[in-house]
Amino acid sequence: MKKIANLVNKFKPKKEYTIGDVTVKQEDVISEGGYGYVYLAHKKDHFDNKFALKKIMVQDKINYEAVQRETTLWAQLEDSPYLCKYLGHIEHEHEGCKEVIILCEYCDGGTLIDLLELNDLKLIEADIIYLMTQISQGLKIMHSHSPPIAHRDIKVENILMKEDSCKLADFGSCSTDTLDYKEDNKTVISEKFELFEKYTTLMYRPPEMIDKYQKYPVGTQVDIWMLGCVLYTLCFAKHPFQEAQKLAIVNAHYYIPDGDQERIGTKLRDLIRLMLTPDPRKRPDIHKILCILENWDEIDAIPLNDDAFKVKSKQEAISEIKLSRYTEMQTDSLDGKDPFALKVSDLSSSQEKPKDKKHPVEEKRICRCLLLIR
């Protein structure tokens, strides 16, 4: 029956949409998200001229306002090889609901996930710097806009490849809004945190979007944290906060693998630490990040702020404990003792081990390798 259904769909008349001065025919679904689907499309009578159609079913006023914000801000962004191009949108009624259809550039190279898989999950440093530079160029355009636009949903799935170039895509979470605890009242703050929960991805979400009690400002620096998560994923083929534990994110409790030092050197590891600084006020802005990336070969070391240095010190202490315990277990094994009868001692309070949380250096966490799936 499934084969028959597929055959019927193949020969069904293709839906047509005229958006601006372009008429396109809808093809198959190429991706889906929480609020809609993205379809491949081609220009009418020109099959090789490909586009992407993003179709969003609007459920309520809040969703409609979000879609309006997406199309308005996306349309304001300048044309760039580092941003997926907006080409227009239409609105119409579909099955009793309002449907918004956005026409945009089609990127045929897949996502960063596809790129990692093509390279056996191991990119070399030069390729990582090349990709990060292009992503940062796209962010620079957004952050240099007046007022600055924060993307707010930077992740490997939202970075597309086309002709060996990286393009930022999916602007459904982008915003010019900020949060300032000196100006916003409790009601406004609560409303903004509800939007953070609804329109951002938890494992990429920075501390200021999770913990309101620290009263960190929320602005474009959220993108730097998210970009740091992307950098970590490009380096190690896994996410620093795959378990999406809020306490770990707020305290920047993540593990950097010790191995593969030749491929992923100290500079890349320190750049991750710099970008994953918990306090957004101490995080470098996108201009500083670009300066580092564009002068990578001339820079001997990445300067760390106090918070990033503390994170590094804790990570190195944990690595030493882990190595020491591993050495003891190997020795005991040679002596005929059961190494698995040993218990790993608790870290001291100075290591700030979260209560009732799995520590990131535990074997279960270390053995998680492919966390690229949402």
Protein backbone atom coordinates (compact mmCIF):
# COMPACT_ATOMS: atom_id res chain seq x y z
CA MET A 1 0.00 0.00 0.00
CA LYS A 2 2.88 2.34 0.83
CA LYS A 3 4.36 1.86 -2.64
CA ILE A 4 0.98 2.63 -4.21
CA ALA A 5 0.65 5.79 -2.10
CA ASN A 6 4.13 6.91 -3.12
CA LEU A 7 3.29 6.29 -6.76
CA VAL A 8 0.09 8.31 -6.45
CA ASN A 9 1.97 11.19 -4.81
CA LYS A 10 4.57 11.11 -7.54
CA PHE A 11 1.99 11.76 -10.23
CA LYS A 12 -0.22 14.16 -8.24
CA PRO A 13 -0.27 17.68 -9.68
CA LYS A 14 2.39 19.78 -7.96
CA LYS A 15 1.16 22.70 -5.89
CA GLU A 16 2.04 26.06 -7.37
CA TYR A 17 2.69 29.32 -5.54
CA THR A 18 3.44 32.77 -6.88
CA ILE A 19 5.59 34.73 -4.46
CA GLY A 20 6.71 38.11 -5.70
CA ASP A 21 7.54 37.68 -9.36
CA VAL A 22 8.43 33.99 -9.06
CA THR A 23 6.06 31.05 -9.60
CA VAL A 24 7.31 27.81 -8.09
CA LYS A 25 6.14 24.22 -7.94
CA GLN A 26 6.37 22.40 -4.62
CA GLU A 27 8.28 19.12 -4.46
CA ASP A 28 9.12 16.85 -1.51
CA VAL A 29 9.71 17.66 2.17
CA ILE A 30 13.40 18.21 2.92
CA SER A 31 13.18 19.05 6.63
CA GLU A 32 10.73 19.70 9.42
CA GLY A 33 10.71 21.66 12.65
CA GLY A 34 8.46 22.41 15.57
CA TYR A 35 6.29 24.86 13.63
CA GLY A 36 6.28 23.70 10.03
CA TYR A 37 7.92 21.98 7.09
CA VAL A 38 10.48 22.95 4.47
CA TYR A 39 9.90 21.73 0.92
CA LEU A 40 12.10 21.64 -2.13
CA ALA A 41 10.61 23.64 -5.01
CA HIS A 42 11.56 24.58 -8.54
CA LYS A 43 10.71 27.49 -10.76
CA LYS A 44 7.80 26.77 -13.05
CA ASP A 45 9.06 25.47 -16.41
CA HIS A 46 12.65 25.61 -15.08
CA PHE A 47 13.21 22.37 -13.14
CA ASP A 48 16.90 23.07 -12.45
CA ASN A 49 16.15 26.41 -10.78
CA LYS A 50 15.70 25.25 -7.18
CA PHE A 51 14.24 27.03 -4.15
CA ALA A 52 13.16 26.16 -0.62
CA LEU A 53 9.60 26.69 0.64
CA LYS A 54 9.06 27.04 4.38
CA LYS A 55 5.41 26.43 5.27
CA ILE A 56 4.16 27.42 8.72
CA MET A 57 0.69 26.73 10.08
CA VAL A 58 -0.21 29.64 12.37
CA GLN A 59 -2.04 28.37 15.44
CA ASP A 60 -2.59 31.58 17.39
CA LYS A 61 -1.77 35.26 17.68
CA ILE A 62 1.58 34.63 19.37
CA ASN A 63 2.69 32.31 16.57
CA TYR A 64 1.55 34.80 13.95
CA GLU A 65 3.52 37.59 15.60
CA ALA A 66 6.58 35.33 15.66
CA VAL A 67 6.26 34.59 11.93
CA GLN A 68 5.81 38.29 11.18
CA ARG A 69 8.93 39.05 13.17
CA GLU A 70 10.86 36.37 11.28
CA THR A 71 9.90 37.62 7.82
CA THR A 72 10.35 41.29 8.72
CA LEU A 73 13.84 40.89 10.20
CA TRP A 74 14.97 38.37 7.59
CA ALA A 75 13.94 40.74 4.79
CA GLN A 76 16.00 43.53 6.37
CA LEU A 77 19.25 41.57 6.27
CA GLU A 78 21.60 42.43 3.45
CA ASP A 79 22.40 39.89 0.75
CA SER A 80 25.41 37.89 1.82
CA PRO A 81 27.10 34.61 0.89
CA TYR A 82 26.93 33.78 4.61
CA LEU A 83 23.16 34.13 5.07
CA CYS A 84 20.39 32.08 3.47
CA LYS A 85 18.56 34.56 1.23
CA TYR A 86 14.94 35.57 1.84
CA LEU A 87 12.93 35.92 -1.41
CA GLY A 88 9.43 36.77 -0.17
CA HIS A 89 6.37 35.24 1.47
CA ILE A 90 2.60 34.91 1.12
CA GLU A 91 -0.26 34.21 3.54
CA HIS A 92 -3.42 32.24 2.83
CA GLU A 93 -6.07 30.09 4.49
CA HIS A 94 -5.45 26.35 4.54
CA GLU A 95 -7.80 23.84 6.18
CA GLY A 96 -9.28 26.52 8.40
CA CYS A 97 -5.94 27.90 9.56
CA LYS A 98 -3.70 30.69 8.36
CA GLU A 99 -0.66 29.38 6.55
CA VAL A 100 2.48 31.42 5.87
CA ILE A 101 4.72 30.29 3.02
CA ILE A 102 8.25 31.70 2.84
CA LEU A 103 10.34 31.41 -0.33
CA CYS A 104 14.08 31.33 0.22
CA GLU A 105 17.38 30.19 -1.22
CA TYR A 106 17.95 26.45 -1.51
CA CYS A 107 21.26 25.15 -0.14
CA ASP A 108 22.03 21.76 -1.67
CA GLY A 109 25.06 20.89 0.48
CA GLY A 110 23.12 19.80 3.55
CA THR A 111 23.87 20.87 7.11
CA LEU A 112 27.00 20.82 9.26
CA ILE A 113 25.84 17.41 10.50
CA ASP A 114 26.09 16.06 6.95
CA LEU A 115 29.54 17.62 6.58
CA LEU A 116 30.76 15.96 9.77
CA GLU A 117 29.45 12.58 8.65
CA LEU A 118 31.15 12.94 5.27
CA ASN A 119 34.43 13.51 7.10
CA ASP A 120 34.03 10.55 9.49
CA LEU A 121 33.23 13.00 12.31
CA LYS A 122 36.81 14.33 12.29
CA LEU A 123 37.50 17.73 10.78
CA ILE A 124 41.03 19.11 10.77
CA GLU A 125 41.80 22.43 12.44
CA ALA A 126 42.09 24.38 9.17
CA ASP A 127 38.62 23.26 8.08
CA ILE A 128 37.13 24.13 11.47
CA ILE A 129 38.60 27.64 11.35
CA TYR A 130 37.35 28.08 7.77
CA LEU A 131 33.79 27.09 8.73
CA MET A 132 33.77 29.13 11.94
CA THR A 133 34.98 32.21 10.06
CA GLN A 134 32.12 31.98 7.58
CA ILE A 135 29.50 31.43 10.27
CA SER A 136 30.91 34.39 12.19
CA GLN A 137 30.74 36.57 9.07
CA GLY A 138 27.01 35.87 8.88
CA LEU A 139 26.59 36.70 12.56
CA LYS A 140 28.58 39.90 12.13
CA ILE A 141 26.02 41.13 9.60
CA MET A 142 23.17 40.40 12.00
CA HIS A 143 24.87 41.94 15.03
CA SER A 144 25.91 45.03 13.02
CA HIS A 145 22.34 45.73 11.98
CA SER A 146 20.60 48.72 13.56
CA PRO A 147 19.19 47.65 15.94
CA PRO A 148 21.32 44.50 16.34
CA ILE A 149 19.60 41.23 15.47
CA ALA A 150 20.32 38.15 17.58
CA HIS A 151 19.77 34.84 15.79
CA ARG A 152 19.00 32.92 19.02
CA ASP A 153 18.90 29.47 17.42
CA ILE A 154 22.40 28.82 16.14
CA LYS A 155 23.02 25.08 15.96
CA VAL A 156 24.55 22.59 13.56
CA GLU A 157 21.14 21.87 12.00
CA ASN A 158 20.64 25.56 11.14
CA ILE A 159 23.93 26.05 9.33
CA LEU A 160 23.64 25.02 5.69
CA MET A 161 26.26 24.32 3.05
CA LYS A 162 26.25 25.57 -0.53
CA GLU A 163 29.25 25.49 -2.87
CA ASP A 164 31.71 25.05 0.02
CA SER A 165 30.22 28.02 1.88
CA CYS A 166 28.41 28.12 5.22
CA LYS A 167 25.09 29.94 5.44
CA LEU A 168 23.09 30.77 8.55
CA ALA A 169 19.47 29.70 8.14
CA ASP A 170 16.18 29.45 10.07
CA PHE A 171 15.50 32.93 11.37
CA GLY A 172 12.35 31.93 13.24
CA SER A 173 13.86 32.75 16.64
CA CYS A 174 15.75 35.92 15.72
CA SER A 175 14.99 39.10 17.63
CA THR A 176 16.08 42.67 18.24
CA ASP A 177 14.64 42.44 21.74
CA THR A 178 16.87 42.52 24.81
CA LEU A 179 16.42 41.88 28.50
CA ASP A 180 17.71 44.36 31.07
CA TYR A 181 16.92 43.73 34.73
CA LYS A 182 17.37 47.42 35.51
CA GLU A 183 14.61 48.41 33.08
CA ASP A 184 12.24 45.42 32.71
CA ASN A 185 9.70 44.60 35.43
CA LYS A 186 8.95 41.09 36.73
CA THR A 187 6.02 40.55 34.37
CA VAL A 188 8.06 41.48 31.30
CA ILE A 189 10.95 39.30 32.46
CA SER A 190 8.64 36.30 32.94
CA GLU A 191 7.11 36.81 29.50
CA LYS A 192 10.53 36.95 27.87
CA PHE A 193 11.64 33.76 29.61
CA GLU A 194 8.51 32.03 28.30
CA LEU A 195 9.58 33.02 24.78
CA PHE A 196 13.10 31.70 25.43
CA GLU A 197 11.57 28.36 26.42
CA LYS A 198 9.35 28.27 23.35
CA TYR A 199 11.66 29.49 20.59
CA THR A 200 15.18 28.39 21.56
CA THR A 201 16.88 25.00 21.88
CA LEU A 202 17.70 24.07 25.48
CA MET A 203 21.06 22.38 24.95
CA TYR A 204 22.27 25.49 23.06
CA ARG A 205 20.66 27.98 25.42
CA PRO A 206 23.15 30.16 27.38
CA PRO A 207 23.00 30.73 31.16
CA GLU A 208 21.32 34.13 30.81
CA MET A 209 18.36 32.46 29.08
CA ILE A 210 18.02 29.85 31.82
CA ASP A 211 18.76 31.43 35.19
CA LYS A 212 16.99 34.73 35.82
CA TYR A 213 18.34 34.97 39.37
CA GLN A 214 21.83 35.86 38.20
CA LYS A 215 20.30 38.83 36.38
CA TYR A 216 22.57 38.56 33.36
CA PRO A 217 21.53 40.81 30.45
CA VAL A 218 20.20 39.09 27.33
CA GLY A 219 21.31 40.39 23.95
CA THR A 220 23.44 39.38 20.98
CA GLN A 221 25.94 37.60 23.26
CA VAL A 222 23.56 34.62 23.37
CA ASP A 223 24.77 33.85 19.84
CA ILE A 224 28.40 33.69 20.97
CA TRP A 225 27.57 30.96 23.50
CA MET A 226 25.59 29.03 20.88
CA LEU A 227 28.45 29.44 18.41
CA GLY A 228 30.78 28.03 21.07
CA CYS A 229 28.55 24.94 21.24
CA VAL A 230 28.82 24.62 17.45
CA LEU A 231 32.62 24.93 17.66
CA TYR A 232 32.74 22.19 20.30
CA THR A 233 30.62 19.95 18.06
CA LEU A 234 32.86 20.57 15.04
CA CYS A 235 35.89 19.64 17.15
CA PHE A 236 34.61 16.59 19.00
CA ALA A 237 31.49 15.43 17.08
CA LYS A 238 29.38 15.79 20.20
CA HIS A 239 27.64 18.57 22.11
CA PRO A 240 29.07 20.00 25.36
CA PHE A 241 25.63 19.88 27.01
CA GLN A 242 24.00 16.90 25.34
CA GLU A 243 22.11 15.98 28.50
CA ALA A 244 20.62 19.51 28.46
CA GLN A 245 20.92 19.82 32.24
CA LYS A 246 20.24 23.39 33.25
CA LEU A 247 22.59 23.33 36.24
CA ALA A 248 25.48 22.15 34.06
CA ILE A 249 24.81 24.92 31.53
CA VAL A 250 24.51 27.69 34.12
CA ASN A 251 27.82 26.67 35.73
CA ALA A 252 29.59 25.81 32.45
CA HIS A 253 30.14 22.25 33.66
CA TYR A 254 31.21 20.49 30.48
CA TYR A 255 34.02 18.12 29.61
CA ILE A 256 36.69 18.64 26.96
CA PRO A 257 38.15 15.31 25.76
CA ASP A 258 41.84 14.88 26.53
CA GLY A 259 42.78 12.92 23.44
CA ASP A 260 43.41 13.93 19.83
CA GLN A 261 45.66 16.83 20.85
CA GLU A 262 47.36 16.91 17.45
CA ARG A 263 44.06 17.48 15.62
CA ILE A 264 42.42 19.72 18.23
CA GLY A 265 45.13 21.83 19.83
CA THR A 266 45.19 24.09 22.87
CA LYS A 267 44.11 27.19 20.95
CA LEU A 268 40.88 25.61 19.73
CA ARG A 269 40.13 24.25 23.19
CA ASP A 270 40.72 27.67 24.74
CA LEU A 271 38.54 29.36 22.11
CA ILE A 272 35.71 27.04 23.15
CA ARG A 273 36.26 28.01 26.79
CA LEU A 274 36.30 31.70 25.90
CA MET A 275 33.02 31.49 23.98
CA LEU A 276 31.38 29.40 26.71
CA THR A 277 31.99 32.02 29.38
CA PRO A 278 28.90 31.90 31.65
CA ASP A 279 28.70 35.68 32.18
CA PRO A 280 27.66 37.26 28.83
CA ARG A 281 29.30 40.54 29.84
CA LYS A 282 32.69 38.80 29.78
CA ARG A 283 32.10 36.90 26.55
CA PRO A 284 33.84 38.32 23.46
CA ASP A 285 31.58 39.91 20.85
CA ILE A 286 31.43 38.67 17.27
CA HIS A 287 33.99 41.24 16.11
CA LYS A 288 36.54 39.89 18.60
CA ILE A 289 35.79 36.31 17.55
CA LEU A 290 36.29 37.21 13.89
CA CYS A 291 39.56 38.96 14.70
CA ILE A 292 40.82 35.79 16.38
CA LEU A 293 39.70 33.53 13.53
CA GLU A 294 41.05 35.72 10.74
CA ASN A 295 44.44 35.98 12.44
CA TRP A 296 44.55 32.40 13.66
CA ASP A 297 48.01 31.49 12.38
CA GLU A 298 49.59 34.61 13.87
CA ILE A 299 48.09 34.12 17.34
CA ASP A 300 50.18 32.05 19.75
CA ALA A 301 47.53 31.68 22.46
CA ILE A 302 43.90 32.60 23.16
CA PRO A 303 43.65 35.12 26.02
CA LEU A 304 41.13 33.85 28.58
CA ASN A 305 39.06 35.98 30.93
CA ASP A 306 38.93 35.08 34.63
CA ASP A 307 35.77 32.97 34.31
CA ALA A 308 37.05 31.00 31.33
CA PHE A 309 40.37 30.42 33.11
CA LYS A 310 38.55 29.04 36.16
CA VAL A 311 36.60 26.65 33.94
CA LYS A 312 39.86 25.51 32.33
CA SER A 313 41.51 24.96 35.73
CA LYS A 314 38.59 22.80 36.90
CA GLN A 315 38.63 20.78 33.69
CA GLU A 316 42.37 20.16 33.99
CA ALA A 317 41.99 19.13 37.65
CA ILE A 318 39.25 16.68 36.70
CA SER A 319 41.45 15.24 33.93
CA GLU A 320 44.29 14.72 36.40
CA ILE A 321 41.97 12.90 38.83
CA LYS A 322 40.65 10.74 36.02
CA LEU A 323 44.16 9.90 34.78
CA SER A 324 45.36 9.14 38.30
CA ARG A 325 42.42 6.83 38.95
CA TYR A 326 42.92 5.09 35.60
CA THR A 327 46.61 4.51 36.41
CA GLU A 328 45.70 3.07 39.82
CA MET A 329 43.16 0.73 38.24
CA GLN A 330 45.74 -0.48 35.70
CA THR A 331 48.27 -1.13 38.47
CA ASP A 332 45.75 -2.98 40.63
CA SER A 333 44.72 -5.07 37.66
CA LEU A 334 48.34 -6.15 37.15
CA ASP A 335 48.54 -7.02 40.86
CA GLY A 336 45.54 -9.31 40.52
CA LYS A 337 43.07 -7.02 42.27
CA ASP A 338 39.63 -6.27 40.91
CA PRO A 339 39.87 -2.69 39.59
CA PHE A 340 36.10 -2.40 39.36
CA ALA A 341 35.78 -2.87 43.13
CA LEU A 342 37.31 0.56 43.54
CA LYS A 343 35.10 3.61 43.95
CA VAL A 344 35.96 6.92 42.41
CA SER A 345 36.25 9.38 45.30
CA ASP A 346 34.03 12.40 45.30
CA LEU A 347 35.53 15.63 44.05
CA SER A 348 36.24 18.22 46.69
CA SER A 349 33.84 21.09 47.19
CA SER A 350 36.29 23.32 45.36
CA GLN A 351 35.43 21.41 42.21
CA GLU A 352 31.78 22.44 42.64
CA LYS A 353 30.34 19.06 41.74
CA PRO A 354 26.56 19.48 41.22
CA LYS A 355 24.44 17.49 43.63
CA ASP A 356 22.49 14.57 42.21
CA LYS A 357 23.99 15.15 38.78
CA LYS A 358 26.13 12.87 36.67
CA HIS A 359 29.57 14.44 36.40
CA PRO A 360 30.73 14.91 32.80
CA VAL A 361 33.92 12.88 33.29
CA GLU A 362 32.05 9.72 34.21
CA GLU A 363 32.47 6.87 31.80
CA LYS A 364 28.83 6.91 30.72
CA ARG A 365 29.18 10.51 29.57
CA ILE A 366 32.55 9.94 27.93
CA CYS A 367 31.30 7.05 25.84
CA ARG A 368 28.49 9.10 24.30
CA CYS A 369 29.89 9.84 20.86
CA LEU A 370 27.28 10.82 18.31
CA LEU A 371 25.06 13.53 19.74
CA LEU A 372 24.30 15.32 16.55
CA ILE A 373 20.70 14.14 16.46
CA ARG A 374 18.30 16.52 18.15
